[in-house]
Amino acid sequence: MAYDRLVYGPIAETIRTQRLVLEPLAPHHADEMADVLDDRRLHRYIGGEPLTRAELRERYARLAAGPSPFHQEYWLNWIVRRARDDRAVGYVQATVRPAPGRYTVAPPGSGSEVTPASPATVASVAWVIGMPYQGFGFATEAARALLGWLRDQGVHEIVALIHPENRPSAAVAARLGLRPTAETADDETVWRRPGPDAPDSGERG
């Protein structure tokens, strides 16, 4: 396990599953990912529009460099490859930051003492699979591998922002154990898989 002291967290490592290889993002991946993401249908729910190779290379360079050192978060990004032919089919990502401060309160009979909970982190995750490669379970397989890797790094609380009409992505989130909440952000529903010390997240339905 490799850690980068400047970004307060682990460095992305190669992750392998039965059918996929998650390869840490680098700027040169733009050359093949531009074709994977060059479909306006793919951006219906994730926003934006297809980028040129040059634009995507610039974006990947920023992501690979990570946030400024004073930000207490780290960015983790992987290209998803199909193992049998090494073809890029999509990507997964996680932004990890400190979880909001939490406390435990002792019962009144014990003095109602307030004790800060142990420091924790929360990961905001996302997955995108190119249109020709959808329907094969790649998103679930890649995202499950990502969550397993995060768990091994001590990150247990997971959130994902999903457009209310994006049913395929919602189905992936449900299979991963996330549940929709009453929270929204940028017109998207916040899905959560709470960690062991997280408070009630106000799940719906």
C-alpha atoms as a PDB file:
ATOM      1  CA  MET A   1       0.000   0.000   0.000  1.00  0.00           C
ATOM      2  CA  ALA A   2       1.535   3.344  -1.084  1.00  0.00           C
ATOM      3  CA  TYR A   3       0.719   6.657   0.527  1.00  0.00           C
ATOM      4  CA  ASP A   4       1.321  10.220  -0.652  1.00  0.00           C
ATOM      5  CA  ARG A   5       1.902  12.556   2.280  1.00  0.00           C
ATOM      6  CA  LEU A   6       1.041  15.603   0.193  1.00  0.00           C
ATOM      7  CA  VAL A   7      -2.534  14.507  -0.476  1.00  0.00           C
ATOM      8  CA  TYR A   8      -3.270  12.869   2.869  1.00  0.00           C
ATOM      9  CA  GLY A   9      -4.133   9.465   1.504  1.00  0.00           C
ATOM     10  CA  PRO A  10      -3.239   6.382  -0.507  1.00  0.00           C
ATOM     11  CA  ILE A  11      -2.114   6.430  -4.120  1.00  0.00           C
ATOM     12  CA  ALA A  12      -4.301   4.570  -6.598  1.00  0.00           C
ATOM     13  CA  GLU A  13      -3.043   1.058  -7.321  1.00  0.00           C
ATOM     14  CA  THR A  14      -3.918  -1.416 -10.052  1.00  0.00           C
ATOM     15  CA  ILE A  15      -7.005  -3.443  -9.116  1.00  0.00           C
ATOM     16  CA  ARG A  16      -7.893  -6.711 -10.832  1.00  0.00           C
ATOM     17  CA  THR A  17     -11.202  -8.546 -10.984  1.00  0.00           C
ATOM     18  CA  GLN A  18     -12.279 -11.658 -12.865  1.00  0.00           C
ATOM     19  CA  ARG A  19     -12.953  -9.730 -16.084  1.00  0.00           C
ATOM     20  CA  LEU A  20     -11.491  -6.270 -15.553  1.00  0.00           C
ATOM     21  CA  VAL A  21      -8.329  -4.364 -14.763  1.00  0.00           C
ATOM     22  CA  LEU A  22      -8.624  -0.977 -13.048  1.00  0.00           C
ATOM     23  CA  GLU A  23      -5.550   0.991 -14.087  1.00  0.00           C
ATOM     24  CA  PRO A  24      -4.572   4.248 -12.299  1.00  0.00           C
ATOM     25  CA  LEU A  25      -5.360   7.229 -14.509  1.00  0.00           C
ATOM     26  CA  ALA A  26      -2.613   8.981 -16.457  1.00  0.00           C
ATOM     27  CA  PRO A  27      -2.770  11.774 -19.085  1.00  0.00           C
ATOM     28  CA  HIS A  28      -1.909   9.417 -21.965  1.00  0.00           C
ATOM     29  CA  HIS A  29      -5.158   7.506 -21.356  1.00  0.00           C
ATOM     30  CA  ALA A  30      -6.970  10.362 -23.094  1.00  0.00           C
ATOM     31  CA  ASP A  31      -5.954   8.961 -26.479  1.00  0.00           C
ATOM     32  CA  GLU A  32      -8.120   5.859 -26.055  1.00  0.00           C
ATOM     33  CA  MET A  33     -10.724   7.200 -23.615  1.00  0.00           C
ATOM     34  CA  ALA A  34     -11.784   9.996 -25.983  1.00  0.00           C
ATOM     35  CA  ASP A  35     -13.409   7.361 -28.201  1.00  0.00           C
ATOM     36  CA  VAL A  36     -15.000   5.550 -25.241  1.00  0.00           C
ATOM     37  CA  LEU A  37     -16.632   8.762 -24.004  1.00  0.00           C
ATOM     38  CA  ASP A  38     -17.500  10.204 -27.431  1.00  0.00           C
ATOM     39  CA  ASP A  39     -21.234   9.597 -27.243  1.00  0.00           C
ATOM     40  CA  ARG A  40     -23.681  12.308 -26.237  1.00  0.00           C
ATOM     41  CA  ARG A  41     -26.064   9.722 -24.779  1.00  0.00           C
ATOM     42  CA  LEU A  42     -23.404   8.943 -22.184  1.00  0.00           C
ATOM     43  CA  HIS A  43     -23.465  12.550 -20.959  1.00  0.00           C
ATOM     44  CA  ARG A  44     -27.233  12.768 -20.541  1.00  0.00           C
ATOM     45  CA  TYR A  45     -26.994  12.206 -16.798  1.00  0.00           C
ATOM     46  CA  ILE A  46     -23.344  12.920 -16.001  1.00  0.00           C
ATOM     47  CA  GLY A  47     -23.401  16.349 -17.643  1.00  0.00           C
ATOM     48  CA  GLY A  48     -20.985  18.067 -19.988  1.00  0.00           C
ATOM     49  CA  GLU A  49     -20.273  16.887 -23.497  1.00  0.00           C
ATOM     50  CA  PRO A  50     -17.656  14.737 -25.228  1.00  0.00           C
ATOM     51  CA  LEU A  51     -14.173  16.276 -25.033  1.00  0.00           C
ATOM     52  CA  THR A  52     -11.515  16.264 -27.695  1.00  0.00           C
ATOM     53  CA  ARG A  53      -8.361  14.250 -27.075  1.00  0.00           C
ATOM     54  CA  ALA A  54      -6.465  17.427 -26.229  1.00  0.00           C
ATOM     55  CA  GLU A  55      -9.155  18.595 -23.780  1.00  0.00           C
ATOM     56  CA  LEU A  56      -9.378  15.183 -22.176  1.00  0.00           C
ATOM     57  CA  ARG A  57      -5.591  14.936 -21.852  1.00  0.00           C
ATOM     58  CA  GLU A  58      -5.572  18.309 -20.057  1.00  0.00           C
ATOM     59  CA  ARG A  59      -8.339  17.150 -17.727  1.00  0.00           C
ATOM     60  CA  TYR A  60      -6.572  13.888 -16.968  1.00  0.00           C
ATOM     61  CA  ALA A  61      -3.353  15.757 -16.229  1.00  0.00           C
ATOM     62  CA  ARG A  62      -5.200  17.823 -13.603  1.00  0.00           C
ATOM     63  CA  LEU A  63      -6.814  14.754 -12.082  1.00  0.00           C
ATOM     64  CA  ALA A  64      -3.551  12.826 -11.983  1.00  0.00           C
ATOM     65  CA  ALA A  65      -1.801  15.766 -10.303  1.00  0.00           C
ATOM     66  CA  GLY A  66      -4.453  15.826  -7.566  1.00  0.00           C
ATOM     67  CA  PRO A  67      -5.714  18.756  -5.497  1.00  0.00           C
ATOM     68  CA  SER A  68      -3.496  21.408  -3.973  1.00  0.00           C
ATOM     69  CA  PRO A  69      -1.639  20.139  -0.888  1.00  0.00           C
ATOM     70  CA  PHE A  70      -3.670  22.290   1.516  1.00  0.00           C
ATOM     71  CA  HIS A  71      -6.898  20.526   0.535  1.00  0.00           C
ATOM     72  CA  GLN A  72      -7.666  17.736   2.975  1.00  0.00           C
ATOM     73  CA  GLU A  73      -8.927  15.401   0.292  1.00  0.00           C
ATOM     74  CA  TYR A  74      -7.479  13.154  -2.337  1.00  0.00           C
ATOM     75  CA  TRP A  75      -8.547  12.150  -5.815  1.00  0.00           C
ATOM     76  CA  LEU A  76      -8.421   8.565  -6.994  1.00  0.00           C
ATOM     77  CA  ASN A  77      -9.128   7.712 -10.620  1.00  0.00           C
ATOM     78  CA  TRP A  78      -8.905   4.525 -12.646  1.00  0.00           C
ATOM     79  CA  ILE A  79      -9.415   3.542 -16.270  1.00  0.00           C
ATOM     80  CA  VAL A  80     -11.457   0.337 -16.515  1.00  0.00           C
ATOM     81  CA  ARG A  81     -10.063  -2.208 -18.997  1.00  0.00           C
ATOM     82  CA  ARG A  82     -11.518  -5.458 -20.215  1.00  0.00           C
ATOM     83  CA  ALA A  83      -8.944  -8.036 -19.189  1.00  0.00           C
ATOM     84  CA  ARG A  84      -9.309 -10.391 -22.159  1.00  0.00           C
ATOM     85  CA  ASP A  85      -8.277  -7.817 -24.768  1.00  0.00           C
ATOM     86  CA  ASP A  86      -6.983  -4.846 -22.716  1.00  0.00           C
ATOM     87  CA  ARG A  87      -9.642  -2.580 -24.230  1.00  0.00           C
ATOM     88  CA  ALA A  88     -10.619   0.529 -22.236  1.00  0.00           C
ATOM     89  CA  VAL A  89     -14.353   0.444 -21.478  1.00  0.00           C
ATOM     90  CA  GLY A  90     -14.868   3.227 -18.904  1.00  0.00           C
ATOM     91  CA  TYR A  91     -13.640   4.657 -15.623  1.00  0.00           C
ATOM     92  CA  VAL A  92     -14.284   4.768 -11.887  1.00  0.00           C
ATOM     93  CA  GLN A  93     -13.290   7.445  -9.426  1.00  0.00           C
ATOM     94  CA  ALA A  94     -13.390   8.388  -5.770  1.00  0.00           C
ATOM     95  CA  THR A  95     -12.885  11.655  -3.915  1.00  0.00           C
ATOM     96  CA  VAL A  96     -12.009  10.970  -0.290  1.00  0.00           C
ATOM     97  CA  ARG A  97     -12.254  13.609   2.416  1.00  0.00           C
ATOM     98  CA  PRO A  98     -12.700  13.775   6.200  1.00  0.00           C
ATOM     99  CA  ALA A  99     -16.219  12.897   7.322  1.00  0.00           C
ATOM    100  CA  PRO A 100     -18.157  15.550   9.294  1.00  0.00           C
ATOM    101  CA  GLY A 101     -17.374  15.610  12.993  1.00  0.00           C
ATOM    102  CA  ARG A 102     -19.381  13.115  15.006  1.00  0.00           C
ATOM    103  CA  TYR A 103     -19.994  12.568  18.682  1.00  0.00           C
ATOM    104  CA  THR A 104     -21.411   9.976  21.022  1.00  0.00           C
ATOM    105  CA  VAL A 105     -23.535  11.024  23.993  1.00  0.00           C
ATOM    106  CA  ALA A 106     -23.652   8.910  27.141  1.00  0.00           C
ATOM    107  CA  PRO A 107     -27.083   8.160  28.709  1.00  0.00           C
ATOM    108  CA  PRO A 108     -28.392  10.767  31.212  1.00  0.00           C
ATOM    109  CA  GLY A 109     -27.730   8.372  34.070  1.00  0.00           C
ATOM    110  CA  SER A 110     -24.052   8.423  33.100  1.00  0.00           C
ATOM    111  CA  GLY A 111     -23.832  12.197  32.961  1.00  0.00           C
ATOM    112  CA  SER A 112     -24.668  12.703  29.256  1.00  0.00           C
ATOM    113  CA  GLU A 113     -20.982  13.066  28.502  1.00  0.00           C
ATOM    114  CA  VAL A 114     -20.240  14.016  24.901  1.00  0.00           C
ATOM    115  CA  THR A 115     -17.288  12.196  23.360  1.00  0.00           C
ATOM    116  CA  PRO A 116     -15.887  12.887  19.887  1.00  0.00           C
ATOM    117  CA  ALA A 117     -15.977   9.808  17.650  1.00  0.00           C
ATOM    118  CA  SER A 118     -12.821   8.488  16.026  1.00  0.00           C
ATOM    119  CA  PRO A 119     -11.787  10.421  12.876  1.00  0.00           C
ATOM    120  CA  ALA A 120     -13.310   8.937   9.729  1.00  0.00           C
ATOM    121  CA  THR A 121     -13.294   9.521   6.000  1.00  0.00           C
ATOM    122  CA  VAL A 122     -16.016   9.420   3.372  1.00  0.00           C
ATOM    123  CA  ALA A 123     -15.598   8.620  -0.321  1.00  0.00           C
ATOM    124  CA  SER A 124     -17.741  10.108  -3.063  1.00  0.00           C
ATOM    125  CA  VAL A 125     -17.629   7.578  -5.883  1.00  0.00           C
ATOM    126  CA  ALA A 126     -18.697   7.456  -9.525  1.00  0.00           C
ATOM    127  CA  TRP A 127     -18.601   4.964 -12.375  1.00  0.00           C
ATOM    128  CA  VAL A 128     -19.010   5.438 -16.129  1.00  0.00           C
ATOM    129  CA  ILE A 129     -18.972   2.691 -18.754  1.00  0.00           C
ATOM    130  CA  GLY A 130     -18.986   3.471 -22.476  1.00  0.00           C
ATOM    131  CA  MET A 131     -22.210   2.825 -24.368  1.00  0.00           C
ATOM    132  CA  PRO A 132     -20.990  -0.198 -26.390  1.00  0.00           C
ATOM    133  CA  TYR A 133     -19.895  -1.938 -23.178  1.00  0.00           C
ATOM    134  CA  GLN A 134     -23.010  -1.437 -21.090  1.00  0.00           C
ATOM    135  CA  GLY A 135     -25.289  -4.311 -20.170  1.00  0.00           C
ATOM    136  CA  PHE A 136     -22.481  -6.739 -19.267  1.00  0.00           C
ATOM    137  CA  GLY A 137     -22.205  -5.931 -15.566  1.00  0.00           C
ATOM    138  CA  PHE A 138     -18.908  -4.055 -15.965  1.00  0.00           C
ATOM    139  CA  ALA A 139     -20.078  -1.056 -13.926  1.00  0.00           C
ATOM    140  CA  THR A 140     -21.083  -3.193 -10.955  1.00  0.00           C
ATOM    141  CA  GLU A 141     -17.917  -5.292 -11.134  1.00  0.00           C
ATOM    142  CA  ALA A 142     -15.628  -2.266 -11.379  1.00  0.00           C
ATOM    143  CA  ALA A 143     -17.430  -0.264  -8.699  1.00  0.00           C
ATOM    144  CA  ARG A 144     -17.516  -3.231  -6.319  1.00  0.00           C
ATOM    145  CA  ALA A 145     -13.755  -3.649  -6.757  1.00  0.00           C
ATOM    146  CA  LEU A 146     -13.288   0.075  -6.078  1.00  0.00           C
ATOM    147  CA  LEU A 147     -15.332  -0.101  -2.859  1.00  0.00           C
ATOM    148  CA  GLY A 148     -13.411  -3.154  -1.731  1.00  0.00           C
ATOM    149  CA  TRP A 149     -10.132  -1.354  -2.300  1.00  0.00           C
ATOM    150  CA  LEU A 150     -11.379   1.683  -0.382  1.00  0.00           C
ATOM    151  CA  ARG A 151     -12.456  -0.556   2.493  1.00  0.00           C
ATOM    152  CA  ASP A 152      -8.941  -1.980   2.623  1.00  0.00           C
ATOM    153  CA  GLN A 153      -7.653   1.589   2.992  1.00  0.00           C
ATOM    154  CA  GLY A 154      -9.975   2.174   5.948  1.00  0.00           C
ATOM    155  CA  VAL A 155     -12.642   4.103   4.022  1.00  0.00           C
ATOM    156  CA  HIS A 156     -16.026   2.606   4.883  1.00  0.00           C
ATOM    157  CA  GLU A 157     -18.559   5.407   4.344  1.00  0.00           C
ATOM    158  CA  ILE A 158     -19.544   5.717   0.673  1.00  0.00           C
ATOM    159  CA  VAL A 159     -21.710   8.271  -1.143  1.00  0.00           C
ATOM    160  CA  ALA A 160     -22.711   8.616  -4.787  1.00  0.00           C
ATOM    161  CA  LEU A 161     -24.639  11.334  -6.618  1.00  0.00           C
ATOM    162  CA  ILE A 162     -27.097   9.854  -9.106  1.00  0.00           C
ATOM    163  CA  HIS A 163     -29.580  11.618 -11.363  1.00  0.00           C
ATOM    164  CA  PRO A 164     -33.148  10.572 -10.428  1.00  0.00           C
ATOM    165  CA  GLU A 165     -33.787   9.316 -13.986  1.00  0.00           C
ATOM    166  CA  ASN A 166     -30.548   7.373 -14.269  1.00  0.00           C
ATOM    167  CA  ARG A 167     -32.041   3.978 -13.480  1.00  0.00           C
ATOM    168  CA  PRO A 168     -29.058   1.863 -14.625  1.00  0.00           C
ATOM    169  CA  SER A 169     -26.709   3.734 -12.290  1.00  0.00           C
ATOM    170  CA  ALA A 170     -29.235   3.530  -9.458  1.00  0.00           C
ATOM    171  CA  ALA A 171     -29.408  -0.234  -9.981  1.00  0.00           C
ATOM    172  CA  VAL A 172     -25.609  -0.447  -9.706  1.00  0.00           C
ATOM    173  CA  ALA A 173     -25.671   1.597  -6.489  1.00  0.00           C
ATOM    174  CA  ALA A 174     -28.353  -0.659  -4.989  1.00  0.00           C
ATOM    175  CA  ARG A 175     -26.328  -3.769  -5.805  1.00  0.00           C
ATOM    176  CA  LEU A 176     -23.372  -2.187  -3.992  1.00  0.00           C
ATOM    177  CA  GLY A 177     -25.432  -1.679  -0.839  1.00  0.00           C
ATOM    178  CA  LEU A 178     -26.027   2.063  -1.227  1.00  0.00           C
ATOM    179  CA  ARG A 179     -29.466   3.476  -0.516  1.00  0.00           C
ATOM    180  CA  PRO A 180     -31.126   6.703  -1.726  1.00  0.00           C
ATOM    181  CA  THR A 181     -31.540   9.456   0.851  1.00  0.00           C
ATOM    182  CA  ALA A 182     -33.671  12.592   1.048  1.00  0.00           C
ATOM    183  CA  GLU A 183     -30.549  14.655   0.319  1.00  0.00           C
ATOM    184  CA  THR A 184     -29.888  16.211  -3.073  1.00  0.00           C
ATOM    185  CA  ALA A 185     -26.904  17.940  -4.647  1.00  0.00           C
ATOM    186  CA  ASP A 186     -26.974  19.663  -8.043  1.00  0.00           C
ATOM    187  CA  ASP A 187     -30.364  18.063  -8.811  1.00  0.00           C
ATOM    188  CA  GLU A 188     -28.967  14.602  -8.102  1.00  0.00           C
ATOM    189  CA  THR A 189     -29.995  12.220  -5.352  1.00  0.00           C
ATOM    190  CA  VAL A 190     -27.409  11.420  -2.708  1.00  0.00           C
ATOM    191  CA  TRP A 191     -27.037   7.666  -2.202  1.00  0.00           C
ATOM    192  CA  ARG A 192     -25.199   6.432   0.880  1.00  0.00           C
ATOM    193  CA  ARG A 193     -23.647   3.342   2.321  1.00  0.00           C
ATOM    194  CA  PRO A 194     -22.950   4.441   5.902  1.00  0.00           C
ATOM    195  CA  GLY A 195     -19.835   3.394   7.743  1.00  0.00           C
ATOM    196  CA  PRO A 196     -20.063   1.663  11.134  1.00  0.00           C
ATOM    197  CA  ASP A 197     -19.913   4.959  13.054  1.00  0.00           C
ATOM    198  CA  ALA A 198     -22.077   7.069  10.744  1.00  0.00           C
ATOM    199  CA  PRO A 199     -25.317   8.609  12.049  1.00  0.00           C
ATOM    200  CA  ASP A 200     -28.738   7.814  10.583  1.00  0.00           C
ATOM    201  CA  SER A 201     -28.680   9.042   6.986  1.00  0.00           C
ATOM    202  CA  GLY A 202     -32.433   9.479   6.506  1.00  0.00           C
ATOM    203  CA  GLU A 203     -32.923   6.786   3.891  1.00  0.00           C
ATOM    204  CA  ARG A 204     -36.006   6.826   1.690  1.00  0.00           C
ATOM    205  CA  GLY A 205     -38.375   4.012   0.888  1.00  0.00           C
END
